[in-house]
Structures are given as structure tokens and as C-alpha cells.
């Protein structure tokens, strides 16, 4: 089963993903968590994403795909 949860920041995607994960016993992937880890670790993709995040912009797909 593959599900994609879409929504604005703070809409509750992570909360809903946790509920589904526990109910169906399936793994989850969070691009937000992956991006934050990449920024923290100073990876090239993380540094590129940080530029957008610091400016309050959405990180473009081209950068996300680099993960």
C-alpha cells in the first residue's frame, strides 16, 4: 500500500501519518524530516534546501528529488 499525504505546513500530515502507521503497522517516510536531517548534517542537498527554508519558501521538487 502506498499513501501520500498532502497539505499545508501545520495541517497535520505527520499526525495523520503516525495514526495510519500505528493502525496498519506500515513504515512512513517524511521528506520534511529527511530535509531537516540533511540540513543538520550539512549535506550538499541540505545546504541547498536551507537556502529556501531560511527564506520561508517551499523547497522545490528538484532539490527534494536530490534526497
PDB file of N, CA and C in Angstrom:
ATOM      1  N   UNK A   1       0.847  -1.173   0.000  1.00  0.00           N
ATOM      2  CA  UNK A   1       0.000   0.000   0.000  1.00  0.00           C
ATOM      3  C   UNK A   1       0.893   1.237   0.000  1.00  0.00           C
ATOM      4  N   UNK A   2       0.560   2.187  -0.851  1.00  0.00           N
ATOM      5  CA  UNK A   2       1.291   3.454  -0.899  1.00  0.00           C
ATOM      6  C   UNK A   2       0.296   4.589  -0.719  1.00  0.00           C
ATOM      7  N   UNK A   3       0.579   5.445   0.246  1.00  0.00           N
ATOM      8  CA  UNK A   3      -0.256   6.614   0.511  1.00  0.00           C
ATOM      9  C   UNK A   3       0.616   7.856   0.479  1.00  0.00           C
ATOM     10  N   UNK A   4       0.061   8.934  -0.016  1.00  0.00           N
ATOM     11  CA  UNK A   4       0.745  10.226   0.015  1.00  0.00           C
ATOM     12  C   UNK A   4      -0.187  11.215   0.702  1.00  0.00           C
ATOM     13  N   UNK A   5       0.301  11.839   1.742  1.00  0.00           N
ATOM     14  CA  UNK A   5      -0.483  12.845   2.456  1.00  0.00           C
ATOM     15  C   UNK A   5       0.027  14.220   2.045  1.00  0.00           C
ATOM     16  N   UNK A   6      -0.860  15.029   1.536  1.00  0.00           N
ATOM     17  CA  UNK A   6      -0.512  16.378   1.101  1.00  0.00           C
ATOM     18  C   UNK A   6      -1.253  17.400   1.950  1.00  0.00           C
ATOM     19  N   UNK A   7      -0.617  18.518   2.192  1.00  0.00           N
ATOM     20  CA  UNK A   7      -1.273  19.583   2.931  1.00  0.00           C
ATOM     21  C   UNK A   7      -0.291  20.683   3.263  1.00  0.00           C
ATOM     22  N   UNK A   8      -0.834  21.784   3.674  1.00  0.00           N
ATOM     23  CA  UNK A   8      -0.017  22.936   4.049  1.00  0.00           C
ATOM     24  C   UNK A   8       0.770  22.637   5.328  1.00  0.00           C
ATOM     25  N   UNK A   9       1.846  23.399   5.574  1.00  0.00           N
ATOM     26  CA  UNK A   9       2.571  23.231   6.829  1.00  0.00           C
ATOM     27  C   UNK A   9       1.623  23.387   8.016  1.00  0.00           C
ATOM     28  N   UNK A  10       1.735  22.471   8.961  1.00  0.00           N
ATOM     29  CA  UNK A  10       0.903  22.531  10.160  1.00  0.00           C
ATOM     30  C   UNK A  10      -0.487  21.953   9.992  1.00  0.00           C
ATOM     31  N   UNK A  11      -0.762  21.343   8.837  1.00  0.00           N
ATOM     32  CA  UNK A  11      -2.101  20.801   8.577  1.00  0.00           C
ATOM     33  C   UNK A  11      -2.359  19.486   9.304  1.00  0.00           C
ATOM     34  N   UNK A  12      -1.304  18.840   9.779  1.00  0.00           N
ATOM     35  CA  UNK A  12      -1.483  17.586  10.499  1.00  0.00           C
ATOM     36  C   UNK A  12      -1.094  16.347   9.711  1.00  0.00           C
ATOM     37  N   UNK A  13      -0.305  16.517   8.667  1.00  0.00           N
ATOM     38  CA  UNK A  13       0.121  15.372   7.860  1.00  0.00           C
ATOM     39  C   UNK A  13       0.899  14.367   8.705  1.00  0.00           C
ATOM     40  N   UNK A  14       1.816  14.852   9.498  1.00  0.00           N
ATOM     41  CA  UNK A  14       2.619  13.970  10.342  1.00  0.00           C
ATOM     42  C   UNK A  14       1.779  13.253  11.375  1.00  0.00           C
ATOM     43  N   UNK A  15       0.823  13.957  11.948  1.00  0.00           N
ATOM     44  CA  UNK A  15      -0.081  13.355  12.932  1.00  0.00           C
ATOM     45  C   UNK A  15      -0.892  12.246  12.292  1.00  0.00           C
ATOM     46  N   UNK A  16      -1.457  12.526  11.119  1.00  0.00           N
ATOM     47  CA  UNK A  16      -2.247  11.513  10.418  1.00  0.00           C
ATOM     48  C   UNK A  16      -1.371  10.336   9.990  1.00  0.00           C
ATOM     49  N   UNK A  17      -0.146  10.622   9.547  1.00  0.00           N
ATOM     50  CA  UNK A  17       0.772   9.557   9.142  1.00  0.00           C
ATOM     51  C   UNK A  17       1.082   8.643  10.322  1.00  0.00           C
ATOM     52  N   UNK A  18       1.277   9.215  11.507  1.00  0.00           N
ATOM     53  CA  UNK A  18       1.541   8.406  12.703  1.00  0.00           C
ATOM     54  C   UNK A  18       0.357   7.510  13.043  1.00  0.00           C
ATOM     55  N   UNK A  19      -0.845   8.045  12.921  1.00  0.00           N
ATOM     56  CA  UNK A  19      -2.050   7.252  13.205  1.00  0.00           C
ATOM     57  C   UNK A  19      -2.148   6.082  12.226  1.00  0.00           C
ATOM     58  N   UNK A  20      -1.970   6.370  10.942  1.00  0.00           N
ATOM     59  CA  UNK A  20      -2.046   5.326   9.911  1.00  0.00           C
ATOM     60  C   UNK A  20      -0.941   4.292  10.118  1.00  0.00           C
ATOM     61  N   UNK A  21       0.257   4.773  10.424  1.00  0.00           N
ATOM     62  CA  UNK A  21       1.407   3.892  10.658  1.00  0.00           C
ATOM     63  C   UNK A  21       1.114   2.893  11.772  1.00  0.00           C
ATOM     64  N   UNK A  22       0.584   3.388  12.880  1.00  0.00           N
ATOM     65  CA  UNK A  22       0.287   2.517  14.019  1.00  0.00           C
ATOM     66  C   UNK A  22      -0.878   1.580  13.728  1.00  0.00           C
ATOM     67  N   UNK A  23      -1.902   2.097  13.082  1.00  0.00           N
ATOM     68  CA  UNK A  23      -3.104   1.306  12.802  1.00  0.00           C
ATOM     69  C   UNK A  23      -2.811   0.172  11.821  1.00  0.00           C
ATOM     70  N   UNK A  24      -2.032   0.463  10.777  1.00  0.00           N
ATOM     71  CA  UNK A  24      -1.780  -0.517   9.722  1.00  0.00           C
ATOM     72  C   UNK A  24      -0.409  -1.188   9.822  1.00  0.00           C
ATOM     73  N   UNK A  25       0.384  -0.757  10.803  1.00  0.00           N
ATOM     74  CA  UNK A  25       1.725  -1.312  11.007  1.00  0.00           C
ATOM     75  C   UNK A  25       2.564  -1.220   9.720  1.00  0.00           C
ATOM     76  N   UNK A  26       2.640  -0.005   9.181  1.00  0.00           N
ATOM     77  CA  UNK A  26       3.416   0.229   7.963  1.00  0.00           C
ATOM     78  C   UNK A  26       4.438   1.339   8.223  1.00  0.00           C
ATOM     79  N   UNK A  27       5.541   1.333   7.479  1.00  0.00           N
ATOM     80  CA  UNK A  27       6.549   2.388   7.666  1.00  0.00           C
ATOM     81  C   UNK A  27       6.105   3.698   7.030  1.00  0.00           C
ATOM     82  N   UNK A  28       6.694   4.784   7.493  1.00  0.00           N
ATOM     83  CA  UNK A  28       6.421   6.099   6.911  1.00  0.00           C
ATOM     84  C   UNK A  28       7.734   6.754   6.487  1.00  0.00           C
ATOM     85  N   UNK A  29       7.619   7.620   5.516  1.00  0.00           N
ATOM     86  CA  UNK A  29       8.752   8.427   5.064  1.00  0.00           C
ATOM     87  C   UNK A  29       8.295   9.878   5.093  1.00  0.00           C
ATOM     88  N   UNK A  30       9.065  10.730   5.730  1.00  0.00           N
ATOM     89  CA  UNK A  30       8.737  12.152   5.801  1.00  0.00           C
ATOM     90  C   UNK A  30       9.840  12.954   5.124  1.00  0.00           C
ATOM     91  N   UNK A  31       9.508  13.576   3.995  1.00  0.00           N
ATOM     92  CA  UNK A  31      10.523  14.390   3.320  1.00  0.00           C
ATOM     93  C   UNK A  31      10.955  15.555   4.202  1.00  0.00           C
ATOM     94  N   UNK A  32      10.044  16.057   5.024  1.00  0.00           N
ATOM     95  CA  UNK A  32      10.401  17.143   5.938  1.00  0.00           C
ATOM     96  C   UNK A  32      11.474  16.714   6.921  1.00  0.00           C
ATOM     97  N   UNK A  33      11.301  15.526   7.508  1.00  0.00           N
ATOM     98  CA  UNK A  33      12.300  15.015   8.450  1.00  0.00           C
ATOM     99  C   UNK A  33      13.628  14.742   7.750  1.00  0.00           C
ATOM    100  N   UNK A  34      13.550  14.202   6.539  1.00  0.00           N
ATOM    101  CA  UNK A  34      14.768  13.920   5.783  1.00  0.00           C
ATOM    102  C   UNK A  34      15.496  15.224   5.450  1.00  0.00           C
ATOM    103  N   UNK A  35      14.749  16.249   5.051  1.00  0.00           N
ATOM    104  CA  UNK A  35      15.367  17.548   4.743  1.00  0.00           C
ATOM    105  C   UNK A  35      16.013  18.161   5.977  1.00  0.00           C
ATOM    106  N   UNK A  36      15.311  18.118   7.106  1.00  0.00           N
ATOM    107  CA  UNK A  36      15.880  18.685   8.340  1.00  0.00           C
ATOM    108  C   UNK A  36      17.169  17.964   8.724  1.00  0.00           C
ATOM    109  N   UNK A  37      17.212  16.644   8.548  1.00  0.00           N
ATOM    110  CA  UNK A  37      18.428  15.883   8.849  1.00  0.00           C
ATOM    111  C   UNK A  37      19.548  16.264   7.881  1.00  0.00           C
ATOM    112  N   UNK A  38      19.207  16.450   6.604  1.00  0.00           N
ATOM    113  CA  UNK A  38      20.210  16.835   5.606  1.00  0.00           C
ATOM    114  C   UNK A  38      20.783  18.215   5.925  1.00  0.00           C
ATOM    115  N   UNK A  39      19.925  19.129   6.363  1.00  0.00           N
ATOM    116  CA  UNK A  39      20.387  20.468   6.754  1.00  0.00           C
ATOM    117  C   UNK A  39      21.305  20.357   7.966  1.00  0.00           C
ATOM    118  N   UNK A  40      20.877  19.596   8.961  1.00  0.00           N
ATOM    119  CA  UNK A  40      21.661  19.433  10.188  1.00  0.00           C
ATOM    120  C   UNK A  40      23.036  18.833   9.898  1.00  0.00           C
ATOM    121  N   UNK A  41      23.080  17.878   8.954  1.00  0.00           N
ATOM    122  CA  UNK A  41      24.337  17.202   8.622  1.00  0.00           C
ATOM    123  C   UNK A  41      25.179  17.969   7.608  1.00  0.00           C
ATOM    124  N   UNK A  42      24.654  19.076   7.085  1.00  0.00           N
ATOM    125  CA  UNK A  42      25.411  19.908   6.163  1.00  0.00           C
ATOM    126  C   UNK A  42      25.678  19.268   4.809  1.00  0.00           C
ATOM    127  N   UNK A  43      24.787  18.383   4.369  1.00  0.00           N
ATOM    128  CA  UNK A  43      24.966  17.752   3.059  1.00  0.00           C
ATOM    129  C   UNK A  43      24.740  18.791   1.958  1.00  0.00           C
ATOM    130  N   UNK A  44      25.248  18.533   0.748  1.00  0.00           N
ATOM    131  CA  UNK A  44      25.013  19.486  -0.348  1.00  0.00           C
ATOM    132  C   UNK A  44      23.521  19.750  -0.583  1.00  0.00           C
ATOM    133  N   UNK A  45      22.714  18.693  -0.556  1.00  0.00           N
ATOM    134  CA  UNK A  45      21.269  18.876  -0.733  1.00  0.00           C
ATOM    135  C   UNK A  45      20.689  19.656   0.436  1.00  0.00           C
ATOM    136  N   UNK A  46      21.169  19.372   1.641  1.00  0.00           N
ATOM    137  CA  UNK A  46      20.694  20.079   2.819  1.00  0.00           C
ATOM    138  C   UNK A  46      21.011  21.561   2.770  1.00  0.00           C
ATOM    139  N   UNK A  47      22.207  21.894   2.312  1.00  0.00           N
ATOM    140  CA  UNK A  47      22.596  23.304   2.214  1.00  0.00           C
ATOM    141  C   UNK A  47      21.752  24.032   1.177  1.00  0.00           C
ATOM    142  N   UNK A  48      21.450  23.354   0.072  1.00  0.00           N
ATOM    143  CA  UNK A  48      20.604  23.946  -0.965  1.00  0.00           C
ATOM    144  C   UNK A  48      19.193  24.161  -0.410  1.00  0.00           C
ATOM    145  N   UNK A  49      18.669  23.150   0.288  1.00  0.00           N
ATOM    146  CA  UNK A  49      17.328  23.250   0.868  1.00  0.00           C
ATOM    147  C   UNK A  49      17.272  24.360   1.910  1.00  0.00           C
ATOM    148  N   UNK A  50      18.344  24.508   2.686  1.00  0.00           N
ATOM    149  CA  UNK A  50      18.387  25.517   3.748  1.00  0.00           C
ATOM    150  C   UNK A  50      18.199  26.926   3.196  1.00  0.00           C
ATOM    151  N   UNK A  51      18.724  27.176   2.006  1.00  0.00           N
ATOM    152  CA  UNK A  51      18.556  28.495   1.386  1.00  0.00           C
ATOM    153  C   UNK A  51      17.068  28.824   1.224  1.00  0.00           C
ATOM    154  N   UNK A  52      16.311  27.858   0.752  1.00  0.00           N
ATOM    155  CA  UNK A  52      14.871  28.064   0.563  1.00  0.00           C
ATOM    156  C   UNK A  52      14.153  28.143   1.904  1.00  0.00           C
ATOM    157  N   UNK A  53      14.507  27.244   2.818  1.00  0.00           N
ATOM    158  CA  UNK A  53      13.845  27.196   4.118  1.00  0.00           C
ATOM    159  C   UNK A  53      14.075  28.491   4.895  1.00  0.00           C
ATOM    160  N   UNK A  54      15.313  28.992   4.868  1.00  0.00           N
ATOM    161  CA  UNK A  54      15.632  30.232   5.583  1.00  0.00           C
ATOM    162  C   UNK A  54      14.889  31.429   5.005  1.00  0.00           C
ATOM    163  N   UNK A  55      14.587  31.357   3.702  1.00  0.00           N
ATOM    164  CA  UNK A  55      13.853  32.442   3.042  1.00  0.00           C
ATOM    165  C   UNK A  55      12.342  32.273   3.188  1.00  0.00           C
ATOM    166  N   UNK A  56      11.928  31.206   3.889  1.00  0.00           N
ATOM    167  CA  UNK A  56      10.497  30.966   4.086  1.00  0.00           C
ATOM    168  C   UNK A  56       9.796  30.448   2.843  1.00  0.00           C
ATOM    169  N   UNK A  57      10.569  29.884   1.929  1.00  0.00           N
ATOM    170  CA  UNK A  57       9.998  29.366   0.685  1.00  0.00           C
ATOM    171  C   UNK A  57       9.891  27.846   0.745  1.00  0.00           C
ATOM    172  N   UNK A  58       9.049  27.299  -0.122  1.00  0.00           N
ATOM    173  CA  UNK A  58       8.971  25.852  -0.259  1.00  0.00           C
ATOM    174  C   UNK A  58      10.217  25.356  -0.981  1.00  0.00           C
ATOM    175  N   UNK A  59      10.722  24.219  -0.553  1.00  0.00           N
ATOM    176  CA  UNK A  59      11.872  23.624  -1.222  1.00  0.00           C
ATOM    177  C   UNK A  59      11.368  23.007  -2.526  1.00  0.00           C
ATOM    178  N   UNK A  60      11.944  23.401  -3.667  1.00  0.00           N
ATOM    179  CA  UNK A  60      11.437  22.906  -4.947  1.00  0.00           C
ATOM    180  C   UNK A  60      11.678  21.409  -5.150  1.00  0.00           C
ATOM    181  N   UNK A  61      10.865  20.833  -6.018  1.00  0.00           N
ATOM    182  CA  UNK A  61      10.957  19.401  -6.308  1.00  0.00           C
ATOM    183  C   UNK A  61      12.361  18.991  -6.738  1.00  0.00           C
ATOM    184  N   UNK A  62      13.034  19.837  -7.511  1.00  0.00           N
ATOM    185  CA  UNK A  62      14.372  19.490  -7.996  1.00  0.00           C
ATOM    186  C   UNK A  62      15.331  19.222  -6.837  1.00  0.00           C
ATOM    187  N   UNK A  63      15.162  19.944  -5.741  1.00  0.00           N
ATOM    188  CA  UNK A  63      16.016  19.746  -4.566  1.00  0.00           C
ATOM    189  C   UNK A  63      15.554  18.508  -3.803  1.00  0.00           C
ATOM    190  N   UNK A  64      14.253  18.353  -3.635  1.00  0.00           N
ATOM    191  CA  UNK A  64      13.705  17.190  -2.919  1.00  0.00           C
ATOM    192  C   UNK A  64      14.143  15.897  -3.602  1.00  0.00           C
ATOM    193  N   UNK A  65      14.102  15.877  -4.921  1.00  0.00           N
ATOM    194  CA  UNK A  65      14.479  14.677  -5.673  1.00  0.00           C
ATOM    195  C   UNK A  65      15.933  14.314  -5.400  1.00  0.00           C
ATOM    196  N   UNK A  66      16.756  15.296  -5.064  1.00  0.00           N
ATOM    197  CA  UNK A  66      18.158  15.054  -4.751  1.00  0.00           C
ATOM    198  C   UNK A  66      18.374  14.228  -3.495  1.00  0.00           C
ATOM    199  N   UNK A  67      17.347  14.089  -2.708  1.00  0.00           N
ATOM    200  CA  UNK A  67      17.444  13.274  -1.493  1.00  0.00           C
ATOM    201  C   UNK A  67      17.537  11.827  -1.905  1.00  0.00           C
TER     202      UNK A  67
END
